[in-house]
C-alpha atoms as a PDB file:
ATOM      1  CA  UNK A   1     -22.667   1.296  -8.749  1.00  0.00           C
ATOM      2  CA  UNK A   2     -22.194  -1.220  -5.709  1.00  0.00           C
ATOM      3  CA  UNK A   3     -18.669  -3.177  -5.498  1.00  0.00           C
ATOM      4  CA  UNK A   4     -18.303  -6.850  -5.313  1.00  0.00           C
ATOM      5  CA  UNK A   5     -15.307  -6.729  -4.393  1.00  0.00           C
ATOM      6  CA  UNK A   6     -14.966  -3.856  -1.842  1.00  0.00           C
ATOM      7  CA  UNK A   7     -14.296  -5.889   1.525  1.00  0.00           C
ATOM      8  CA  UNK A   8     -14.486  -8.935   0.906  1.00  0.00           C
ATOM      9  CA  UNK A   9     -12.902 -11.902   1.747  1.00  0.00           C
ATOM     10  CA  UNK A  10     -11.280 -14.826   0.256  1.00  0.00           C
ATOM     11  CA  UNK A  11     -12.062 -18.279   2.215  1.00  0.00           C
ATOM     12  CA  UNK A  12      -9.282 -20.401   0.243  1.00  0.00           C
ATOM     13  CA  UNK A  13      -6.023 -18.672   2.073  1.00  0.00           C
ATOM     14  CA  UNK A  14      -3.781 -21.570   3.945  1.00  0.00           C
ATOM     15  CA  UNK A  15      -3.474 -22.061   7.293  1.00  0.00           C
ATOM     16  CA  UNK A  16       0.342 -21.612   8.290  1.00  0.00           C
ATOM     17  CA  UNK A  17       1.584 -24.862   9.323  1.00  0.00           C
ATOM     18  CA  UNK A  18       5.024 -25.899  10.336  1.00  0.00           C
ATOM     19  CA  UNK A  19       7.147 -26.241   7.008  1.00  0.00           C
ATOM     20  CA  UNK A  20       5.438 -25.057   5.178  1.00  0.00           C
ATOM     21  CA  UNK A  21       7.949 -22.976   2.338  1.00  0.00           C
ATOM     22  CA  UNK A  22       5.129 -19.802   2.080  1.00  0.00           C
ATOM     23  CA  UNK A  23       4.371 -17.414   4.636  1.00  0.00           C
ATOM     24  CA  UNK A  24       0.328 -16.850   4.341  1.00  0.00           C
ATOM     25  CA  UNK A  25      -1.451 -14.286   7.061  1.00  0.00           C
ATOM     26  CA  UNK A  26      -3.790 -11.410   7.184  1.00  0.00           C
ATOM     27  CA  UNK A  27      -2.468  -7.878   6.734  1.00  0.00           C
ATOM     28  CA  UNK A  28      -4.977  -4.827   8.613  1.00  0.00           C
ATOM     29  CA  UNK A  29      -5.291  -2.322   5.615  1.00  0.00           C
ATOM     30  CA  UNK A  30      -6.248   1.344   6.643  1.00  0.00           C
ATOM     31  CA  UNK A  31      -7.569   1.588   3.219  1.00  0.00           C
ATOM     32  CA  UNK A  32     -11.125   0.181   4.175  1.00  0.00           C
ATOM     33  CA  UNK A  33      -9.814  -0.853   7.918  1.00  0.00           C
ATOM     34  CA  UNK A  34     -10.429  -4.539   7.054  1.00  0.00           C
ATOM     35  CA  UNK A  35      -8.644  -7.676   6.772  1.00  0.00           C
ATOM     36  CA  UNK A  36      -6.863  -8.482   3.639  1.00  0.00           C
ATOM     37  CA  UNK A  37      -5.099 -11.969   2.779  1.00  0.00           C
ATOM     38  CA  UNK A  38      -1.245 -12.307   1.333  1.00  0.00           C
ATOM     39  CA  UNK A  39       0.637 -15.730   1.181  1.00  0.00           C
ATOM     40  CA  UNK A  40       4.380 -14.340   1.226  1.00  0.00           C
ATOM     41  CA  UNK A  41       5.895 -11.774   1.638  1.00  0.00           C
ATOM     42  CA  UNK A  42       6.391 -10.596  -1.985  1.00  0.00           C
ATOM     43  CA  UNK A  43       2.373 -10.236  -1.219  1.00  0.00           C
ATOM     44  CA  UNK A  44       2.543  -8.792   1.732  1.00  0.00           C
ATOM     45  CA  UNK A  45       5.247  -5.719   0.329  1.00  0.00           C
ATOM     46  CA  UNK A  46       2.525  -5.488  -2.823  1.00  0.00           C
ATOM     47  CA  UNK A  47      -0.137  -4.695  -0.102  1.00  0.00           C
ATOM     48  CA  UNK A  48       1.546  -2.590   2.016  1.00  0.00           C
ATOM     49  CA  UNK A  49       2.525  -0.619  -0.932  1.00  0.00           C
ATOM     50  CA  UNK A  50      -1.594  -0.588  -2.436  1.00  0.00           C
ATOM     51  CA  UNK A  51      -2.355   0.324   1.135  1.00  0.00           C
ATOM     52  CA  UNK A  52      -0.248   3.288   1.302  1.00  0.00           C
ATOM     53  CA  UNK A  53      -1.466   4.785  -2.539  1.00  0.00           C
ATOM     54  CA  UNK A  54      -4.213   7.579  -1.850  1.00  0.00           C
ATOM     55  CA  UNK A  55      -6.130   6.749  -5.129  1.00  0.00           C
ATOM     56  CA  UNK A  56      -6.697   3.564  -3.942  1.00  0.00           C
ATOM     57  CA  UNK A  57      -9.654   2.702  -2.185  1.00  0.00           C
ATOM     58  CA  UNK A  58     -10.779  -0.873  -1.474  1.00  0.00           C
ATOM     59  CA  UNK A  59      -8.420  -4.160  -2.271  1.00  0.00           C
ATOM     60  CA  UNK A  60      -9.380  -7.579  -1.891  1.00  0.00           C
ATOM     61  CA  UNK A  61      -7.444 -10.771  -2.266  1.00  0.00           C
ATOM     62  CA  UNK A  62      -8.503 -13.600  -4.129  1.00  0.00           C
ATOM     63  CA  UNK A  63     -10.882 -12.382  -5.281  1.00  0.00           C
ATOM     64  CA  UNK A  64     -12.830 -14.549  -7.765  1.00  0.00           C
ATOM     65  CA  UNK A  65     -11.542 -17.867  -9.786  1.00  0.00           C
ATOM     66  CA  UNK A  66     -11.282 -18.143 -13.443  1.00  0.00           C
ATOM     67  CA  UNK A  67     -11.839 -22.219 -15.587  1.00  0.00           C
ATOM     68  CA  UNK A  68     -11.413 -21.973 -19.204  1.00  0.00           C
ATOM     69  CA  UNK A  69     -11.145 -25.179 -21.466  1.00  0.00           C
ATOM     70  CA  UNK A  70      -8.545 -26.067 -24.321  1.00  0.00           C
ATOM     71  CA  UNK A  71     -10.458 -27.587 -27.173  1.00  0.00           C
ATOM     72  CA  UNK A  72     -11.128 -31.160 -26.299  1.00  0.00           C
ATOM     73  CA  UNK A  73      -9.566 -31.493 -23.295  1.00  0.00           C
ATOM     74  CA  UNK A  74     -11.130 -32.551 -20.168  1.00  0.00           C
ATOM     75  CA  UNK A  75      -9.453 -30.849 -17.863  1.00  0.00           C
ATOM     76  CA  UNK A  76      -9.574 -27.361 -17.269  1.00  0.00           C
ATOM     77  CA  UNK A  77      -7.448 -24.862 -16.475  1.00  0.00           C
ATOM     78  CA  UNK A  78      -7.825 -22.612 -13.159  1.00  0.00           C
ATOM     79  CA  UNK A  79      -6.464 -19.361 -12.270  1.00  0.00           C
ATOM     80  CA  UNK A  80      -7.013 -17.617  -9.277  1.00  0.00           C
ATOM     81  CA  UNK A  81      -5.501 -14.207  -9.167  1.00  0.00           C
ATOM     82  CA  UNK A  82      -4.342 -12.573  -5.749  1.00  0.00           C
ATOM     83  CA  UNK A  83      -5.569  -8.892  -5.581  1.00  0.00           C
ATOM     84  CA  UNK A  84      -8.046  -7.150  -7.163  1.00  0.00           C
ATOM     85  CA  UNK A  85      -7.652  -3.110  -6.453  1.00  0.00           C
ATOM     86  CA  UNK A  86     -10.546  -0.393  -6.817  1.00  0.00           C
ATOM     87  CA  UNK A  87      -9.172   3.455  -7.052  1.00  0.00           C
ATOM     88  CA  UNK A  88     -10.934   6.589  -6.169  1.00  0.00           C
ATOM     89  CA  UNK A  89     -11.473   7.340 -10.111  1.00  0.00           C
ATOM     90  CA  UNK A  90     -13.365   4.043 -10.342  1.00  0.00           C
ATOM     91  CA  UNK A  91     -10.860   2.188 -12.067  1.00  0.00           C
ATOM     92  CA  UNK A  92      -9.906  -0.946 -11.260  1.00  0.00           C
ATOM     93  CA  UNK A  93      -6.856  -3.682 -11.724  1.00  0.00           C
ATOM     94  CA  UNK A  94      -6.451  -7.228 -10.977  1.00  0.00           C
ATOM     95  CA  UNK A  95      -2.948  -8.191  -9.713  1.00  0.00           C
ATOM     96  CA  UNK A  96      -0.797 -11.271  -9.657  1.00  0.00           C
ATOM     97  CA  UNK A  97       2.036 -10.859  -7.675  1.00  0.00           C
ATOM     98  CA  UNK A  98       4.779 -13.474  -8.983  1.00  0.00           C
ATOM     99  CA  UNK A  99       9.024 -13.287  -8.991  1.00  0.00           C
ATOM    100  CA  UNK A 100      10.542 -12.677 -12.460  1.00  0.00           C
ATOM    101  CA  UNK A 101      12.622 -15.754 -12.047  1.00  0.00           C
ATOM    102  CA  UNK A 102       9.700 -18.851 -11.263  1.00  0.00           C
ATOM    103  CA  UNK A 103       7.273 -17.966 -13.764  1.00  0.00           C
ATOM    104  CA  UNK A 104       6.791 -20.850 -16.074  1.00  0.00           C
ATOM    105  CA  UNK A 105       5.067 -21.377 -19.023  1.00  0.00           C
ATOM    106  CA  UNK A 106       2.645 -22.673 -18.028  1.00  0.00           C
ATOM    107  CA  UNK A 107       2.310 -19.575 -15.018  1.00  0.00           C
ATOM    108  CA  UNK A 108       2.454 -17.234 -18.306  1.00  0.00           C
ATOM    109  CA  UNK A 109      -0.448 -18.870 -20.044  1.00  0.00           C
ATOM    110  CA  UNK A 110      -2.321 -17.907 -17.247  1.00  0.00           C
ATOM    111  CA  UNK A 111      -1.573 -14.732 -16.798  1.00  0.00           C
ATOM    112  CA  UNK A 112      -2.027 -13.776 -20.534  1.00  0.00           C
ATOM    113  CA  UNK A 113      -5.771 -15.368 -20.379  1.00  0.00           C
ATOM    114  CA  UNK A 114      -6.626 -13.318 -16.606  1.00  0.00           C
ATOM    115  CA  UNK A 115      -5.069 -10.301 -18.499  1.00  0.00           C
ATOM    116  CA  UNK A 116      -7.381 -10.934 -21.779  1.00  0.00           C
ATOM    117  CA  UNK A 117     -10.594 -11.422 -19.822  1.00  0.00           C
ATOM    118  CA  UNK A 118     -10.437  -8.356 -17.477  1.00  0.00           C
ATOM    119  CA  UNK A 119     -10.068  -6.222 -20.128  1.00  0.00           C
ATOM    120  CA  UNK A 120     -13.195  -7.492 -21.564  1.00  0.00           C
ATOM    121  CA  UNK A 121     -14.449  -6.495 -18.631  1.00  0.00           C
ATOM    122  CA  UNK A 122     -12.987  -3.011 -18.519  1.00  0.00           C
ATOM    123  CA  UNK A 123     -10.265  -3.782 -15.844  1.00  0.00           C
ATOM    124  CA  UNK A 124      -6.432  -3.418 -16.230  1.00  0.00           C
ATOM    125  CA  UNK A 125      -4.364  -6.377 -15.000  1.00  0.00           C
ATOM    126  CA  UNK A 126      -0.769  -6.261 -13.844  1.00  0.00           C
ATOM    127  CA  UNK A 127       2.200  -8.966 -13.006  1.00  0.00           C
ATOM    128  CA  UNK A 128       4.233  -7.322 -10.426  1.00  0.00           C
ATOM    129  CA  UNK A 129       7.556  -9.187  -9.438  1.00  0.00           C
ATOM    130  CA  UNK A 130       9.947  -8.357  -6.446  1.00  0.00           C
ATOM    131  CA  UNK A 131       9.163  -5.077  -4.573  1.00  0.00           C
ATOM    132  CA  UNK A 132      12.494  -2.645  -4.387  1.00  0.00           C
ATOM    133  CA  UNK A 133      13.887  -4.257  -0.906  1.00  0.00           C
ATOM    134  CA  UNK A 134      14.864  -0.642   0.198  1.00  0.00           C
ATOM    135  CA  UNK A 135      11.168   0.687  -0.054  1.00  0.00           C
ATOM    136  CA  UNK A 136       9.821  -2.655   1.514  1.00  0.00           C
ATOM    137  CA  UNK A 137      11.944  -1.561   4.435  1.00  0.00           C
ATOM    138  CA  UNK A 138      10.590   1.562   4.551  1.00  0.00           C
ATOM    139  CA  UNK A 139       7.027   0.842   4.100  1.00  0.00           C
ATOM    140  CA  UNK A 140       7.550  -2.222   6.434  1.00  0.00           C
ATOM    141  CA  UNK A 141       8.640   0.516   9.195  1.00  0.00           C
ATOM    142  CA  UNK A 142       5.972   3.220   8.018  1.00  0.00           C
ATOM    143  CA  UNK A 143       3.060   0.634   8.393  1.00  0.00           C
ATOM    144  CA  UNK A 144       3.939   0.546  12.081  1.00  0.00           C
ATOM    145  CA  UNK A 145       2.008   4.250  12.132  1.00  0.00           C
ATOM    146  CA  UNK A 146      -1.037   3.793   9.773  1.00  0.00           C
ATOM    147  CA  UNK A 147      -3.648   3.426  11.809  1.00  0.00           C
ATOM    148  CA  UNK A 148      -5.671   6.763  11.630  1.00  0.00           C
ATOM    149  CA  UNK A 149      -5.556   7.146  15.757  1.00  0.00           C
ATOM    150  CA  UNK A 150      -1.669   7.951  15.189  1.00  0.00           C
ATOM    151  CA  UNK A 151      -2.973  11.520  13.464  1.00  0.00           C
ATOM    152  CA  UNK A 152      -2.952  13.987  16.619  1.00  0.00           C
ATOM    153  CA  UNK A 153      -3.739  17.646  16.021  1.00  0.00           C
ATOM    154  CA  UNK A 154      -2.077  20.513  16.218  1.00  0.00           C
ATOM    155  CA  UNK A 155       0.617  18.481  16.007  1.00  0.00           C
ATOM    156  CA  UNK A 156      -0.213  17.022  12.548  1.00  0.00           C
ATOM    157  CA  UNK A 157      -0.826  20.729  11.176  1.00  0.00           C
ATOM    158  CA  UNK A 158       2.112  21.633  12.854  1.00  0.00           C
ATOM    159  CA  UNK A 159       4.438  19.233  10.859  1.00  0.00           C
ATOM    160  CA  UNK A 160       3.035  20.430   7.869  1.00  0.00           C
ATOM    161  CA  UNK A 161       3.779  24.059   8.092  1.00  0.00           C
ATOM    162  CA  UNK A 162       7.516  23.067   9.134  1.00  0.00           C
ATOM    163  CA  UNK A 163       8.258  21.031   6.029  1.00  0.00           C
ATOM    164  CA  UNK A 164       6.610  22.941   3.747  1.00  0.00           C
ATOM    165  CA  UNK A 165      10.617  23.414   3.519  1.00  0.00           C
ATOM    166  CA  UNK A 166      12.172  20.649   2.805  1.00  0.00           C
ATOM    167  CA  UNK A 167      14.800  19.720   5.381  1.00  0.00           C
ATOM    168  CA  UNK A 168      15.842  17.020   7.701  1.00  0.00           C
ATOM    169  CA  UNK A 169      13.557  14.775   8.923  1.00  0.00           C
ATOM    170  CA  UNK A 170      14.461  14.426  12.599  1.00  0.00           C
ATOM    171  CA  UNK A 171      14.841  18.476  12.114  1.00  0.00           C
ATOM    172  CA  UNK A 172      11.920  19.074  11.525  1.00  0.00           C
ATOM    173  CA  UNK A 173      10.519  16.675  14.424  1.00  0.00           C
ATOM    174  CA  UNK A 174      11.795  18.678  16.778  1.00  0.00           C
ATOM    175  CA  UNK A 175      11.247  21.893  15.702  1.00  0.00           C
ATOM    176  CA  UNK A 176       7.872  20.656  16.204  1.00  0.00           C
ATOM    177  CA  UNK A 177       8.658  19.294  19.366  1.00  0.00           C
ATOM    178  CA  UNK A 178       9.528  16.525  21.453  1.00  0.00           C
ATOM    179  CA  UNK A 179       9.900  13.931  19.435  1.00  0.00           C
ATOM    180  CA  UNK A 180       8.837  11.064  20.787  1.00  0.00           C
ATOM    181  CA  UNK A 181       5.120  12.929  20.476  1.00  0.00           C
ATOM    182  CA  UNK A 182       6.141  14.317  16.758  1.00  0.00           C
ATOM    183  CA  UNK A 183       7.889  11.714  15.494  1.00  0.00           C
ATOM    184  CA  UNK A 184       5.076   8.952  14.955  1.00  0.00           C
ATOM    185  CA  UNK A 185       2.267  11.949  13.883  1.00  0.00           C
ATOM    186  CA  UNK A 186       5.381  12.330  11.356  1.00  0.00           C
ATOM    187  CA  UNK A 187       5.451   8.443   9.733  1.00  0.00           C
ATOM    188  CA  UNK A 188       1.484   8.764   9.482  1.00  0.00           C
ATOM    189  CA  UNK A 189       1.525  11.287   7.879  1.00  0.00           C
ATOM    190  CA  UNK A 190       4.502  10.063   5.327  1.00  0.00           C
ATOM    191  CA  UNK A 191       2.453   7.346   4.899  1.00  0.00           C
ATOM    192  CA  UNK A 192      -0.478   8.931   4.252  1.00  0.00           C
ATOM    193  CA  UNK A 193       1.550  11.022   1.544  1.00  0.00           C
ATOM    194  CA  UNK A 194       0.862  14.001   3.027  1.00  0.00           C
ATOM    195  CA  UNK A 195       4.366  14.057   3.688  1.00  0.00           C
ATOM    196  CA  UNK A 196       6.806  12.897   0.876  1.00  0.00           C
ATOM    197  CA  UNK A 197      10.719  11.555   1.078  1.00  0.00           C
ATOM    198  CA  UNK A 198      12.835   9.094  -1.060  1.00  0.00           C
ATOM    199  CA  UNK A 199      11.388   5.777   0.658  1.00  0.00           C
ATOM    200  CA  UNK A 200      12.948   4.175  -2.289  1.00  0.00           C
ATOM    201  CA  UNK A 201      16.314   5.850  -2.510  1.00  0.00           C
ATOM    202  CA  UNK A 202      17.946   5.043   1.351  1.00  0.00           C
ATOM    203  CA  UNK A 203      16.411   3.800   4.282  1.00  0.00           C
ATOM    204  CA  UNK A 204      14.356   6.202   6.509  1.00  0.00           C
ATOM    205  CA  UNK A 205      16.891   7.742   8.871  1.00  0.00           C
ATOM    206  CA  UNK A 206      17.170  11.169  10.791  1.00  0.00           C
ATOM    207  CA  UNK A 207      18.948  13.472   7.807  1.00  0.00           C
ATOM    208  CA  UNK A 208      16.378  11.694   5.287  1.00  0.00           C
ATOM    209  CA  UNK A 209      14.790  15.137   3.503  1.00  0.00           C
ATOM    210  CA  UNK A 210      11.260  15.485   3.924  1.00  0.00           C
ATOM    211  CA  UNK A 211       9.067  18.245   2.305  1.00  0.00           C
ATOM    212  CA  UNK A 212       5.080  18.577   2.150  1.00  0.00           C
ATOM    213  CA  UNK A 213       3.821  17.072  -1.103  1.00  0.00           C
ATOM    214  CA  UNK A 214       2.600  19.577  -3.496  1.00  0.00           C
ATOM    215  CA  UNK A 215      -1.201  18.853  -3.295  1.00  0.00           C
ATOM    216  CA  UNK A 216      -0.826  19.632   0.079  1.00  0.00           C
ATOM    217  CA  UNK A 217       0.971  22.478   0.488  1.00  0.00           C
ATOM    218  CA  UNK A 218      -2.217  23.925  -1.658  1.00  0.00           C
ATOM    219  CA  UNK A 219      -5.288  23.026   1.142  1.00  0.00           C
ATOM    220  CA  UNK A 220      -2.506  24.035   4.461  1.00  0.00           C
ATOM    221  CA  UNK A 221      -4.126  27.029   5.384  1.00  0.00           C
ATOM    222  CA  UNK A 222      -2.882  30.663   6.777  1.00  0.00           C
ATOM    223  CA  UNK A 223      -2.921  29.131  10.964  1.00  0.00           C
ATOM    224  CA  UNK A 224      -0.748  26.352  10.087  1.00  0.00           C
ATOM    225  CA  UNK A 225       2.375  28.754  10.876  1.00  0.00           C
ATOM    226  CA  UNK A 226       0.621  29.237  14.332  1.00  0.00           C
ATOM    227  CA  UNK A 227      -0.123  25.505  15.500  1.00  0.00           C
ATOM    228  CA  UNK A 228       3.847  25.244  14.643  1.00  0.00           C
ATOM    229  CA  UNK A 229       4.017  27.873  17.414  1.00  0.00           C
ATOM    230  CA  UNK A 230       1.932  26.241  19.369  1.00  0.00           C
ATOM    231  CA  UNK A 231       3.054  22.729  19.536  1.00  0.00           C
ATOM    232  CA  UNK A 232       6.420  24.036  19.970  1.00  0.00           C
ATOM    233  CA  UNK A 233       5.493  26.441  23.250  1.00  0.00           C
END
């Protein structure tokens, strides 16, 4: 069944103008290879988080507007959620991004109404706040290496072989070859969740422990070690 929100863009994004307090813009999502809008740094953080999740296959910004009445009141209440997310298993979730300290009673009512509407059509709903600052900083760094062109073979295979046993980020990169050539690929694999590190615990550094994701380890062929040796020369 076609997904009407997949890859859709909203025409309601506010342009950046001097003096405004929010920071709207467009983010190129590796998931779907399309531009997705955001209206604040908080939204951008969650957009990067969604783009890096392996089970997310599509993200659309401001996907629809809800409108409902209140008895005899002439004025209707309207609300436009921030994101629609489609997951690999076919399920969907609608996201509203709002820090905990910025939720007024009217906002809470809108979120509750949106959650109820989503439940009626079989979608999930989440209201998310500020992303953990360490995780946000690491995602910002890794997002610079998100484009598929960053992945190069046989370097990617060699890095998977090296990090089959957990070790320091820089030590593993050097084991494969010149860090100038291997680190971009390593960061791409961290973004793609082929390799894993504690992105929420500390800022990425040379000593950060990196390991192959268990699900990926099962798929690594027996020639991965040979690839590592070939890259290292």
